[in-house]
PDB file of N, CA and C in Angstrom:
ATOM      1  N   MET A   1     159.044  37.678 118.497  1.00  0.00           N
ATOM      2  CA  MET A   1     160.380  38.213 117.894  1.00  0.00           C
ATOM      3  C   MET A   1     160.339  39.361 117.990  1.00  0.00           C
ATOM      4  N   SER A   2     161.729  39.663 118.207  1.00  0.00           N
ATOM      5  CA  SER A   2     162.090  41.325 117.590  1.00  0.00           C
ATOM      6  C   SER A   2     162.091  41.671 116.436  1.00  0.00           C
ATOM      7  N   HIS A   3     161.355  42.835 116.236  1.00  0.00           N
ATOM      8  CA  HIS A   3     161.405  43.652 114.907  1.00  0.00           C
ATOM      9  C   HIS A   3     163.225  43.994 114.554  1.00  0.00           C
ATOM     10  N   PRO A   4     163.442  43.792 113.435  1.00  0.00           N
ATOM     11  CA  PRO A   4     164.911  44.137 113.076  1.00  0.00           C
ATOM     12  C   PRO A   4     165.122  45.813 113.649  1.00  0.00           C
ATOM     13  N   VAL A   5     163.977  46.308 113.145  1.00  0.00           N
ATOM     14  CA  VAL A   5     164.487  48.105 113.100  1.00  0.00           C
ATOM     15  C   VAL A   5     164.643  48.061 114.882  1.00  0.00           C
ATOM     16  N   ASP A   6     163.923  47.575 115.691  1.00  0.00           N
ATOM     17  CA  ASP A   6     163.916  47.350 116.602  1.00  0.00           C
ATOM     18  C   ASP A   6     165.215  47.074 117.821  1.00  0.00           C
ATOM     19  N   VAL A   7     166.038  46.500 116.999  1.00  0.00           N
ATOM     20  CA  VAL A   7     167.170  45.451 117.600  1.00  0.00           C
ATOM     21  C   VAL A   7     167.763  46.248 117.129  1.00  0.00           C
ATOM     22  N   HIS A   8     168.518  46.704 116.045  1.00  0.00           N
ATOM     23  CA  HIS A   8     169.113  48.016 115.325  1.00  0.00           C
ATOM     24  C   HIS A   8     169.035  49.513 115.827  1.00  0.00           C
ATOM     25  N   VAL A   9     167.768  50.051 116.551  1.00  0.00           N
ATOM     26  CA  VAL A   9     167.979  50.877 117.503  1.00  0.00           C
ATOM     27  C   VAL A   9     168.133  50.572 118.882  1.00  0.00           C
ATOM     28  N   GLY A  10     168.118  49.670 119.560  1.00  0.00           N
ATOM     29  CA  GLY A  10     168.689  49.189 120.310  1.00  0.00           C
ATOM     30  C   GLY A  10     170.296  49.028 120.353  1.00  0.00           C
ATOM     31  N   ARG A  11     170.915  48.297 119.567  1.00  0.00           N
ATOM     32  CA  ARG A  11     171.883  48.289 119.411  1.00  0.00           C
ATOM     33  C   ARG A  11     172.954  49.762 119.185  1.00  0.00           C
ATOM     34  N   LYS A  12     172.207  50.835 118.901  1.00  0.00           N
ATOM     35  CA  LYS A  12     172.722  52.359 118.938  1.00  0.00           C
ATOM     36  C   LYS A  12     172.783  52.735 119.751  1.00  0.00           C
ATOM     37  N   LEU A  13     171.714  52.406 120.631  1.00  0.00           N
ATOM     38  CA  LEU A  13     171.326  53.266 122.233  1.00  0.00           C
ATOM     39  C   LEU A  13     172.482  52.460 122.993  1.00  0.00           C
ATOM     40  N   LYS A  14     172.864  50.954 123.242  1.00  0.00           N
ATOM     41  CA  LYS A  14     173.914  50.564 123.744  1.00  0.00           C
ATOM     42  C   LYS A  14     175.155  51.096 123.516  1.00  0.00           C
ATOM     43  N   GLN A  15     175.586  50.998 122.274  1.00  0.00           N
ATOM     44  CA  GLN A  15     176.687  52.172 121.693  1.00  0.00           C
ATOM     45  C   GLN A  15     176.815  53.055 122.388  1.00  0.00           C
ATOM     46  N   ILE A  16     175.554  53.766 121.748  1.00  0.00           N
ATOM     47  CA  ILE A  16     176.185  55.714 122.259  1.00  0.00           C
ATOM     48  C   ILE A  16     176.403  55.511 123.829  1.00  0.00           C
ATOM     49  N   ARG A  17     175.607  54.815 124.817  1.00  0.00           N
ATOM     50  CA  ARG A  17     175.333  55.041 126.079  1.00  0.00           C
ATOM     51  C   ARG A  17     176.836  54.497 126.197  1.00  0.00           C
ATOM     52  N   THR A  18     177.685  53.726 125.746  1.00  0.00           N
ATOM     53  CA  THR A  18     178.515  53.092 125.924  1.00  0.00           C
ATOM     54  C   THR A  18     180.145  53.791 125.962  1.00  0.00           C
ATOM     55  N   ILE A  19     179.611  54.659 124.622  1.00  0.00           N
ATOM     56  CA  ILE A  19     180.902  55.724 124.520  1.00  0.00           C
ATOM     57  C   ILE A  19     180.864  56.787 125.307  1.00  0.00           C
ATOM     58  N   ARG A  20     179.452  57.352 125.975  1.00  0.00           N
ATOM     59  CA  ARG A  20     179.759  58.182 127.047  1.00  0.00           C
ATOM     60  C   ARG A  20     179.645  57.851 128.266  1.00  0.00           C
ATOM     61  N   ARG A  21     179.955  56.533 128.400  1.00  0.00           N
ATOM     62  CA  ARG A  21     180.406  55.858 129.701  1.00  0.00           C
ATOM     63  C   ARG A  21     179.224  55.884 130.779  1.00  0.00           C
ATOM     64  N   LEU A  22     178.294  55.456 130.527  1.00  0.00           N
ATOM     65  CA  LEU A  22     176.882  55.810 131.166  1.00  0.00           C
ATOM     66  C   LEU A  22     176.735  54.276 131.468  1.00  0.00           C
ATOM     67  N   SER A  23     176.301  54.185 132.613  1.00  0.00           N
ATOM     68  CA  SER A  23     175.447  52.633 132.866  1.00  0.00           C
ATOM     69  C   SER A  23     174.150  52.899 132.501  1.00  0.00           C
ATOM     70  N   GLN A  24     173.219  51.331 132.383  1.00  0.00           N
ATOM     71  CA  GLN A  24     172.170  51.231 131.939  1.00  0.00           C
ATOM     72  C   GLN A  24     171.570  52.081 133.303  1.00  0.00           C
ATOM     73  N   THR A  25     171.714  52.131 134.359  1.00  0.00           N
ATOM     74  CA  THR A  25     170.801  52.524 135.769  1.00  0.00           C
ATOM     75  C   THR A  25     171.696  53.666 135.431  1.00  0.00           C
ATOM     76  N   ASP A  26     172.280  54.685 134.769  1.00  0.00           N
ATOM     77  CA  ASP A  26     172.169  56.141 134.982  1.00  0.00           C
ATOM     78  C   ASP A  26     171.477  56.572 133.523  1.00  0.00           C
ATOM     79  N   VAL A  27     171.444  55.942 132.880  1.00  0.00           N
ATOM     80  CA  VAL A  27     170.409  56.276 131.727  1.00  0.00           C
ATOM     81  C   VAL A  27     168.828  56.147 132.457  1.00  0.00           C
ATOM     82  N   ALA A  28     168.825  54.870 132.818  1.00  0.00           N
ATOM     83  CA  ALA A  28     167.351  54.776 133.787  1.00  0.00           C
ATOM     84  C   ALA A  28     166.772  55.746 134.393  1.00  0.00           C
ATOM     85  N   ARG A  29     167.924  56.192 135.338  1.00  0.00           N
ATOM     86  CA  ARG A  29     167.833  57.359 136.432  1.00  0.00           C
ATOM     87  C   ARG A  29     167.097  58.661 135.731  1.00  0.00           C
ATOM     88  N   GLU A  30     167.707  59.127 134.599  1.00  0.00           N
ATOM     89  CA  GLU A  30     167.149  60.277 134.088  1.00  0.00           C
ATOM     90  C   GLU A  30     166.373  59.942 132.770  1.00  0.00           C
ATOM     91  N   LEU A  31     165.832  58.727 133.112  1.00  0.00           N
ATOM     92  CA  LEU A  31     164.528  58.537 132.801  1.00  0.00           C
ATOM     93  C   LEU A  31     163.079  57.911 133.314  1.00  0.00           C
ATOM     94  N   ASN A  32     163.666  58.211 134.518  1.00  0.00           N
ATOM     95  CA  ASN A  32     162.524  57.288 135.864  1.00  0.00           C
ATOM     96  C   ASN A  32     162.365  56.058 135.276  1.00  0.00           C
ATOM     97  N   LEU A  33     163.199  55.173 134.905  1.00  0.00           N
ATOM     98  CA  LEU A  33     162.933  54.067 134.465  1.00  0.00           C
ATOM     99  C   LEU A  33     163.722  52.945 135.540  1.00  0.00           C
ATOM    100  N   SER A  34     163.631  51.632 135.171  1.00  0.00           N
ATOM    101  CA  SER A  34     164.592  50.693 135.942  1.00  0.00           C
ATOM    102  C   SER A  34     165.574  50.435 134.975  1.00  0.00           C
ATOM    103  N   PHE A  35     166.418  49.857 135.008  1.00  0.00           N
ATOM    104  CA  PHE A  35     167.681  49.309 134.711  1.00  0.00           C
ATOM    105  C   PHE A  35     167.454  48.608 133.693  1.00  0.00           C
ATOM    106  N   GLN A  36     166.462  47.550 134.143  1.00  0.00           N
ATOM    107  CA  GLN A  36     165.987  46.572 133.151  1.00  0.00           C
ATOM    108  C   GLN A  36     165.101  47.070 131.721  1.00  0.00           C
ATOM    109  N   GLN A  37     164.586  48.068 132.117  1.00  0.00           N
ATOM    110  CA  GLN A  37     163.361  48.418 130.787  1.00  0.00           C
ATOM    111  C   GLN A  37     164.699  48.863 129.793  1.00  0.00           C
ATOM    112  N   ILE A  38     165.942  49.929 130.191  1.00  0.00           N
ATOM    113  CA  ILE A  38     167.213  49.839 129.104  1.00  0.00           C
ATOM    114  C   ILE A  38     167.260  48.595 128.553  1.00  0.00           C
ATOM    115  N   GLN A  39     167.790  47.642 129.416  1.00  0.00           N
ATOM    116  CA  GLN A  39     168.508  46.513 129.018  1.00  0.00           C
ATOM    117  C   GLN A  39     167.297  45.752 127.923  1.00  0.00           C
ATOM    118  N   LYS A  40     166.268  45.956 128.048  1.00  0.00           N
ATOM    119  CA  LYS A  40     165.034  45.330 126.976  1.00  0.00           C
ATOM    120  C   LYS A  40     165.339  46.332 125.860  1.00  0.00           C
ATOM    121  N   TYR A  41     165.192  47.427 125.988  1.00  0.00           N
ATOM    122  CA  TYR A  41     165.319  47.821 124.815  1.00  0.00           C
ATOM    123  C   TYR A  41     166.591  48.225 124.069  1.00  0.00           C
ATOM    124  N   GLU A  42     167.617  47.823 124.705  1.00  0.00           N
ATOM    125  CA  GLU A  42     168.806  47.795 124.078  1.00  0.00           C
ATOM    126  C   GLU A  42     168.824  46.119 122.848  1.00  0.00           C
ATOM    127  N   ILE A  43     168.176  45.044 123.610  1.00  0.00           N
ATOM    128  CA  ILE A  43     168.260  43.666 122.850  1.00  0.00           C
ATOM    129  C   ILE A  43     167.437  44.027 122.119  1.00  0.00           C
ATOM    130  N   GLY A  44     166.467  44.799 122.195  1.00  0.00           N
ATOM    131  CA  GLY A  44     165.528  45.249 121.009  1.00  0.00           C
ATOM    132  C   GLY A  44     163.569  44.027 121.541  1.00  0.00           C
ATOM    133  N   SER A  45     163.747  44.103 122.336  1.00  0.00           N
ATOM    134  CA  SER A  45     162.817  43.164 122.652  1.00  0.00           C
ATOM    135  C   SER A  45     161.329  43.856 123.448  1.00  0.00           C
ATOM    136  N   ASN A  46     161.910  45.430 123.762  1.00  0.00           N
ATOM    137  CA  ASN A  46     160.893  46.415 123.840  1.00  0.00           C
ATOM    138  C   ASN A  46     161.245  47.844 123.205  1.00  0.00           C
ATOM    139  N   ARG A  47     160.022  47.951 122.396  1.00  0.00           N
ATOM    140  CA  ARG A  47     160.120  48.777 121.312  1.00  0.00           C
ATOM    141  C   ARG A  47     160.308  49.916 121.805  1.00  0.00           C
ATOM    142  N   ILE A  48     161.505  51.261 121.649  1.00  0.00           N
ATOM    143  CA  ILE A  48     161.173  53.006 122.087  1.00  0.00           C
ATOM    144  C   ILE A  48     160.350  53.393 121.691  1.00  0.00           C
ATOM    145  N   ALA A  49     159.277  54.264 122.378  1.00  0.00           N
ATOM    146  CA  ALA A  49     158.483  55.349 121.778  1.00  0.00           C
ATOM    147  C   ALA A  49     159.088  56.357 121.493  1.00  0.00           C
ATOM    148  N   ALA A  50     158.394  57.441 120.416  1.00  0.00           N
ATOM    149  CA  ALA A  50     158.956  58.131 119.844  1.00  0.00           C
ATOM    150  C   ALA A  50     159.315  59.239 120.772  1.00  0.00           C
ATOM    151  N   SER A  51     158.474  59.694 121.505  1.00  0.00           N
ATOM    152  CA  SER A  51     159.065  60.640 122.889  1.00  0.00           C
ATOM    153  C   SER A  51     160.234  59.829 123.702  1.00  0.00           C
ATOM    154  N   ARG A  52     160.212  58.628 124.038  1.00  0.00           N
ATOM    155  CA  ARG A  52     161.426  58.079 124.917  1.00  0.00           C
ATOM    156  C   ARG A  52     162.343  57.936 123.746  1.00  0.00           C
ATOM    157  N   LEU A  53     162.609  58.221 122.751  1.00  0.00           N
ATOM    158  CA  LEU A  53     163.531  57.798 121.426  1.00  0.00           C
ATOM    159  C   LEU A  53     164.387  59.926 121.901  1.00  0.00           C
ATOM    160  N   TYR A  54     163.290  60.948 121.349  1.00  0.00           N
ATOM    161  CA  TYR A  54     163.632  61.995 121.794  1.00  0.00           C
ATOM    162  C   TYR A  54     164.525  62.435 123.278  1.00  0.00           C
ATOM    163  N   GLU A  55     163.542  61.909 124.356  1.00  0.00           N
ATOM    164  CA  GLU A  55     164.512  61.857 125.447  1.00  0.00           C
ATOM    165  C   GLU A  55     165.922  61.510 125.430  1.00  0.00           C
ATOM    166  N   LEU A  56     166.153  60.061 124.863  1.00  0.00           N
ATOM    167  CA  LEU A  56     167.062  59.406 124.950  1.00  0.00           C
ATOM    168  C   LEU A  56     168.689  60.262 123.884  1.00  0.00           C
ATOM    169  N   SER A  57     167.651  61.080 122.729  1.00  0.00           N
ATOM    170  CA  SER A  57     168.495  61.623 121.879  1.00  0.00           C
ATOM    171  C   SER A  57     169.207  63.084 122.940  1.00  0.00           C
ATOM    172  N   ARG A  58     168.111  62.982 123.540  1.00  0.00           N
ATOM    173  CA  ARG A  58     168.915  64.618 124.455  1.00  0.00           C
ATOM    174  C   ARG A  58     169.700  64.474 125.847  1.00  0.00           C
ATOM    175  N   ILE A  59     169.552  63.386 126.469  1.00  0.00           N
ATOM    176  CA  ILE A  59     170.395  62.627 127.821  1.00  0.00           C
ATOM    177  C   ILE A  59     171.640  62.545 126.726  1.00  0.00           C
ATOM    178  N   LEU A  60     171.665  61.595 125.649  1.00  0.00           N
ATOM    179  CA  LEU A  60     172.883  61.285 125.208  1.00  0.00           C
ATOM    180  C   LEU A  60     173.702  62.114 124.476  1.00  0.00           C
ATOM    181  N   ASP A  61     173.332  62.954 124.016  1.00  0.00           N
ATOM    182  CA  ASP A  61     173.489  64.351 123.206  1.00  0.00           C
ATOM    183  C   ASP A  61     173.979  63.734 122.097  1.00  0.00           C
ATOM    184  N   VAL A  62     172.704  63.397 120.851  1.00  0.00           N
ATOM    185  CA  VAL A  62     172.710  63.115 119.759  1.00  0.00           C
ATOM    186  C   VAL A  62     171.805  63.414 119.151  1.00  0.00           C
ATOM    187  N   PRO A  63     171.835  63.248 118.142  1.00  0.00           N
ATOM    188  CA  PRO A  63     170.490  63.549 117.037  1.00  0.00           C
ATOM    189  C   PRO A  63     169.702  62.450 117.159  1.00  0.00           C
ATOM    190  N   THR A  64     168.286  62.689 116.873  1.00  0.00           N
ATOM    191  CA  THR A  64     167.200  61.540 116.737  1.00  0.00           C
ATOM    192  C   THR A  64     167.606  60.500 116.263  1.00  0.00           C
ATOM    193  N   SER A  65     168.219  61.119 114.882  1.00  0.00           N
ATOM    194  CA  SER A  65     168.392  60.592 113.641  1.00  0.00           C
ATOM    195  C   SER A  65     169.556  59.590 113.734  1.00  0.00           C
ATOM    196  N   TYR A  66     170.570  59.442 114.607  1.00  0.00           N
ATOM    197  CA  TYR A  66     171.485  58.782 115.156  1.00  0.00           C
ATOM    198  C   TYR A  66     171.025  57.043 115.247  1.00  0.00           C
ATOM    199  N   PHE A  67     169.903  56.980 115.867  1.00  0.00           N
ATOM    200  CA  PHE A  67     169.612  55.594 116.432  1.00  0.00           C
ATOM    201  C   PHE A  67     168.945  55.181 115.018  1.00  0.00           C
ATOM    202  N   PHE A  68     169.030  55.468 113.835  1.00  0.00           N
ATOM    203  CA  PHE A  68     168.672  54.974 112.661  1.00  0.00           C
ATOM    204  C   PHE A  68     169.688  54.802 111.309  1.00  0.00           C
ATOM    205  N   GLU A  69     170.793  55.544 111.942  1.00  0.00           N
ATOM    206  CA  GLU A  69     172.194  55.301 110.887  1.00  0.00           C
ATOM    207  C   GLU A  69     172.355  53.891 110.814  1.00  0.00           C
ATOM    208  N   GLY A  70     173.016  53.882 109.647  1.00  0.00           N
ATOM    209  CA  GLY A  70     173.222  52.084 109.162  1.00  0.00           C
ATOM    210  C   GLY A  70     171.937  51.313 109.175  1.00  0.00           C
ATOM    211  N   ILE A  71     170.626  51.458 109.158  1.00  0.00           N
ATOM    212  CA  ILE A  71     169.610  50.886 109.395  1.00  0.00           C
ATOM    213  C   ILE A  71     169.543  49.986 108.278  1.00  0.00           C
ATOM    214  N   GLU A  72     169.746  50.573 106.343  1.00  0.00           N
ATOM    215  CA  GLU A  72     169.986  50.018 105.506  1.00  0.00           C
ATOM    216  C   GLU A  72     170.830  48.393 105.585  1.00  0.00           C
ATOM    217  N   ALA A  73     171.915  49.345 105.660  1.00  0.00           N
ATOM    218  CA  ALA A  73     173.443  47.985 106.254  1.00  0.00           C
ATOM    219  C   ALA A  73     172.952  47.251 106.969  1.00  0.00           C
ATOM    220  N   SER A  74     172.456  47.373 108.184  1.00  0.00           N
ATOM    221  CA  SER A  74     172.095  46.718 109.437  1.00  0.00           C
ATOM    222  C   SER A  74     170.997  45.561 108.635  1.00  0.00           C
ATOM    223  N   ALA A  75     170.325  45.744 108.152  1.00  0.00           N
ATOM    224  CA  ALA A  75     169.139  45.376 107.275  1.00  0.00           C
ATOM    225  C   ALA A  75     169.844  43.890 106.641  1.00  0.00           C
ATOM    226  N   ASP A  76     170.627  44.344 105.471  1.00  0.00           N
ATOM    227  CA  ASP A  76     171.571  43.499 104.530  1.00  0.00           C
ATOM    228  C   ASP A  76     172.233  42.911 104.835  1.00  0.00           C
ATOM    229  N   ALA A  77     173.097  42.862 106.179  1.00  0.00           N
ATOM    230  CA  ALA A  77     174.097  42.713 106.615  1.00  0.00           C
ATOM    231  C   ALA A  77     174.021  41.324 107.435  1.00  0.00           C
ATOM    232  N   VAL A  78     174.721  40.007 107.343  1.00  0.00           N
ATOM    233  CA  VAL A  78     174.394  39.060 108.281  1.00  0.00           C
ATOM    234  C   VAL A  78     174.949  39.879 109.612  1.00  0.00           C
ATOM    235  N   LYS A  79     174.292  38.948 110.209  1.00  0.00           N
ATOM    236  CA  LYS A  79     174.378  39.157 111.682  1.00  0.00           C
ATOM    237  C   LYS A  79     175.894  38.790 112.301  1.00  0.00           C
ATOM    238  N   THR A  80     176.732  39.867 112.270  1.00  0.00           N
ATOM    239  CA  THR A  80     178.067  39.926 112.946  1.00  0.00           C
ATOM    240  C   THR A  80     178.666  40.394 114.041  1.00  0.00           C
ATOM    241  N   ARG A  81     179.245  40.380 114.826  1.00  0.00           N
ATOM    242  CA  ARG A  81     179.647  41.370 115.865  1.00  0.00           C
ATOM    243  C   ARG A  81     180.346  42.269 115.444  1.00  0.00           C
ATOM    244  N   ASP A  82     180.422  43.306 116.231  1.00  0.00           N
ATOM    245  CA  ASP A  82     180.946  44.955 115.415  1.00  0.00           C
ATOM    246  C   ASP A  82     182.356  44.814 116.853  1.00  0.00           C
ATOM    247  N   PRO A  83     183.450  44.540 115.976  1.00  0.00           N
ATOM    248  CA  PRO A  83     184.680  44.756 117.021  1.00  0.00           C
ATOM    249  C   PRO A  83     184.776  45.944 118.151  1.00  0.00           C
ATOM    250  N   SER A  84     184.304  47.048 117.238  1.00  0.00           N
ATOM    251  CA  SER A  84     184.181  48.353 118.017  1.00  0.00           C
ATOM    252  C   SER A  84     183.446  48.267 119.046  1.00  0.00           C
ATOM    253  N   LEU A  85     182.376  47.600 119.118  1.00  0.00           N
ATOM    254  CA  LEU A  85     181.469  47.873 120.312  1.00  0.00           C
ATOM    255  C   LEU A  85     181.851  46.606 121.427  1.00  0.00           C
ATOM    256  N   GLU A  86     182.626  45.709 121.122  1.00  0.00           N
ATOM    257  CA  GLU A  86     182.984  45.013 122.041  1.00  0.00           C
ATOM    258  C   GLU A  86     184.075  45.574 122.862  1.00  0.00           C
ATOM    259  N   ILE A  87     185.264  46.116 122.250  1.00  0.00           N
ATOM    260  CA  ILE A  87     186.332  46.986 122.943  1.00  0.00           C
ATOM    261  C   ILE A  87     185.442  48.175 123.436  1.00  0.00           C
ATOM    262  N   VAL A  88     184.826  48.943 123.061  1.00  0.00           N
ATOM    263  CA  VAL A  88     183.721  49.538 123.967  1.00  0.00           C
ATOM    264  C   VAL A  88     183.539  49.130 125.252  1.00  0.00           C
ATOM    265  N   SER A  89     182.588  48.002 124.858  1.00  0.00           N
ATOM    266  CA  SER A  89     182.043  47.498 126.061  1.00  0.00           C
ATOM    267  C   SER A  89     183.044  46.573 126.849  1.00  0.00           C
ATOM    268  N   ALA A  90     183.904  46.205 126.497  1.00  0.00           N
ATOM    269  CA  ALA A  90     185.443  46.055 127.434  1.00  0.00           C
ATOM    270  C   ALA A  90     185.879  46.922 128.185  1.00  0.00           C
ATOM    271  N   LEU A  91     186.358  47.695 127.689  1.00  0.00           N
ATOM    272  CA  LEU A  91     186.723  49.313 128.243  1.00  0.00           C
ATOM    273  C   LEU A  91     185.504  49.596 129.220  1.00  0.00           C
ATOM    274  N   ALA A  92     184.419  49.708 129.250  1.00  0.00           N
ATOM    275  CA  ALA A  92     183.563  50.298 130.402  1.00  0.00           C
ATOM    276  C   ALA A  92     183.579  49.420 131.204  1.00  0.00           C
ATOM    277  N   SER A  93     183.805  48.058 131.066  1.00  0.00           N
ATOM    278  CA  SER A  93     183.787  47.195 132.415  1.00  0.00           C
ATOM    279  C   SER A  93     184.915  47.312 133.079  1.00  0.00           C
ATOM    280  N   ILE A  94     186.024  48.285 132.809  1.00  0.00           N
ATOM    281  CA  ILE A  94     187.320  47.991 133.484  1.00  0.00           C
ATOM    282  C   ILE A  94     186.693  49.217 134.521  1.00  0.00           C
ATOM    283  N   ARG A  95     187.140  48.811 135.885  1.00  0.00           N
ATOM    284  CA  ARG A  95     187.164  49.670 136.854  1.00  0.00           C
ATOM    285  C   ARG A  95     187.828  50.563 137.470  1.00  0.00           C
ATOM    286  N   ASP A  96     188.861  50.445 136.621  1.00  0.00           N
ATOM    287  CA  ASP A  96     190.446  51.137 137.931  1.00  0.00           C
ATOM    288  C   ASP A  96     190.205  51.702 136.422  1.00  0.00           C
ATOM    289  N   ASP A  97     190.064  53.193 136.690  1.00  0.00           N
ATOM    290  CA  ASP A  97     190.108  54.293 135.845  1.00  0.00           C
ATOM    291  C   ASP A  97     191.822  54.765 135.422  1.00  0.00           C
ATOM    292  N   THR A  98     192.652  54.489 136.249  1.00  0.00           N
ATOM    293  CA  THR A  98     194.016  54.835 135.864  1.00  0.00           C
ATOM    294  C   THR A  98     194.376  53.627 134.338  1.00  0.00           C
ATOM    295  N   ILE A  99     193.492  53.129 134.765  1.00  0.00           N
ATOM    296  CA  ILE A  99     193.993  51.542 133.349  1.00  0.00           C
ATOM    297  C   ILE A  99     193.110  52.448 132.250  1.00  0.00           C
ATOM    298  N   LYS A 100     191.800  52.405 132.647  1.00  0.00           N
ATOM    299  CA  LYS A 100     190.911  52.948 131.830  1.00  0.00           C
ATOM    300  C   LYS A 100     191.435  54.242 130.538  1.00  0.00           C
ATOM    301  N   SER A 101     192.382  54.938 131.571  1.00  0.00           N
ATOM    302  CA  SER A 101     192.534  56.007 130.737  1.00  0.00           C
ATOM    303  C   SER A 101     193.664  55.955 129.820  1.00  0.00           C
ATOM    304  N   ARG A 102     194.510  55.138 130.404  1.00  0.00           N
ATOM    305  CA  ARG A 102     196.011  54.994 129.785  1.00  0.00           C
ATOM    306  C   ARG A 102     195.529  54.049 128.173  1.00  0.00           C
ATOM    307  N   ILE A 103     194.262  53.222 128.830  1.00  0.00           N
ATOM    308  CA  ILE A 103     193.980  52.717 127.192  1.00  0.00           C
ATOM    309  C   ILE A 103     193.625  53.207 126.300  1.00  0.00           C
ATOM    310  N   VAL A 104     192.581  54.134 126.788  1.00  0.00           N
ATOM    311  CA  VAL A 104     191.864  55.091 126.021  1.00  0.00           C
ATOM    312  C   VAL A 104     193.314  55.726 125.157  1.00  0.00           C
ATOM    313  N   THR A 105     193.883  56.334 126.126  1.00  0.00           N
ATOM    314  CA  THR A 105     195.298  57.270 125.291  1.00  0.00           C
ATOM    315  C   THR A 105     195.952  56.513 124.256  1.00  0.00           C
ATOM    316  N   PHE A 106     196.253  54.787 124.609  1.00  0.00           N
ATOM    317  CA  PHE A 106     197.012  54.439 123.450  1.00  0.00           C
ATOM    318  C   PHE A 106     195.700  54.079 122.217  1.00  0.00           C
ATOM    319  N   ILE A 107     194.225  54.031 122.770  1.00  0.00           N
ATOM    320  CA  ILE A 107     193.948  53.942 121.420  1.00  0.00           C
ATOM    321  C   ILE A 107     193.509  55.199 120.668  1.00  0.00           C
ATOM    322  N   GLU A 108     193.804  56.446 121.165  1.00  0.00           N
ATOM    323  CA  GLU A 108     194.407  57.709 120.766  1.00  0.00           C
ATOM    324  C   GLU A 108     195.185  57.277 119.767  1.00  0.00           C
ATOM    325  N   ASP A 109     196.517  57.420 120.463  1.00  0.00           N
ATOM    326  CA  ASP A 109     197.972  56.921 119.963  1.00  0.00           C
ATOM    327  C   ASP A 109     197.855  56.312 118.352  1.00  0.00           C
ATOM    328  N   VAL A 110     197.527  54.944 118.737  1.00  0.00           N
ATOM    329  CA  VAL A 110     197.649  54.348 117.219  1.00  0.00           C
ATOM    330  C   VAL A 110     196.180  55.145 116.151  1.00  0.00           C
ATOM    331  N   SER A 111     195.020  55.345 116.365  1.00  0.00           N
ATOM    332  CA  SER A 111     194.282  56.001 115.533  1.00  0.00           C
ATOM    333  C   SER A 111     194.238  57.386 115.335  1.00  0.00           C
ATOM    334  N   GLY A 112     194.978  58.200 115.714  1.00  0.00           N
ATOM    335  CA  GLY A 112     195.116  59.803 115.400  1.00  0.00           C
ATOM    336  C   GLY A 112     193.924  60.554 115.568  1.00  0.00           C
ATOM    337  N   VAL A 113     193.032  59.841 116.791  1.00  0.00           N
ATOM    338  CA  VAL A 113     191.707  60.825 116.895  1.00  0.00           C
ATOM    339  C   VAL A 113     191.689  60.758 118.270  1.00  0.00           C
ATOM    340  N   THR A 114     190.897  61.857 118.843  1.00  0.00           N
ATOM    341  CA  THR A 114     190.908  62.151 120.267  1.00  0.00           C
ATOM    342  C   THR A 114     189.611  62.243 120.741  1.00  0.00           C
ATOM    343  N   VAL A 115     189.290  61.505 121.854  1.00  0.00           N
ATOM    344  CA  VAL A 115     187.801  61.508 122.173  1.00  0.00           C
ATOM    345  C   VAL A 115     187.203  62.410 123.527  1.00  0.00           C
ATOM    346  N   ALA A 116     186.199  62.619 123.396  1.00  0.00           N
ATOM    347  CA  ALA A 116     185.913  64.054 124.467  1.00  0.00           C
ATOM    348  C   ALA A 116     185.914  63.193 125.803  1.00  0.00           C
ATOM    349  N   ARG A 117     186.372  63.599 126.649  1.00  0.00           N
ATOM    350  CA  ARG A 117     186.138  63.065 127.903  1.00  0.00           C
ATOM    351  C   ARG A 117     185.117  63.557 128.914  1.00  0.00           C
ATOM    352  N   GLN A 118     184.476  63.032 129.582  1.00  0.00           N
ATOM    353  CA  GLN A 118     183.919  63.367 130.665  1.00  0.00           C
ATOM    354  C   GLN A 118     184.562  63.282 132.037  1.00  0.00           C
ATOM    355  N   ASN A 119     184.203  64.332 132.900  1.00  0.00           N
ATOM    356  CA  ASN A 119     184.603  64.597 134.017  1.00  0.00           C
ATOM    357  C   ASN A 119     183.951  64.005 135.045  1.00  0.00           C
TER     358      ASN A 119
END
């Protein structure tokens, strides 16, 4: 059984990876790992070593503390699906970049927030 902290850190990894529009393979390649290892990190079945967490923070351009943000809330919360993560995952699965860009623009218009885009 996975430790709740490992599950939380894995979810945060998946969240930022998806926000950055990187595949598991992209991240794995940067770390010289298999994408399966990234999958295991993301579901919390394998723990992420401190040195690996540091490398991930560098690759994903976040502070290492990012992976622990909200951990108190997640420990107390009943397991629920995060609609934001579901939207990001659905968006990442769209292959047509034009459609994806239109959806992002729509979300920006509705939210009043502009996201940084990678080219």
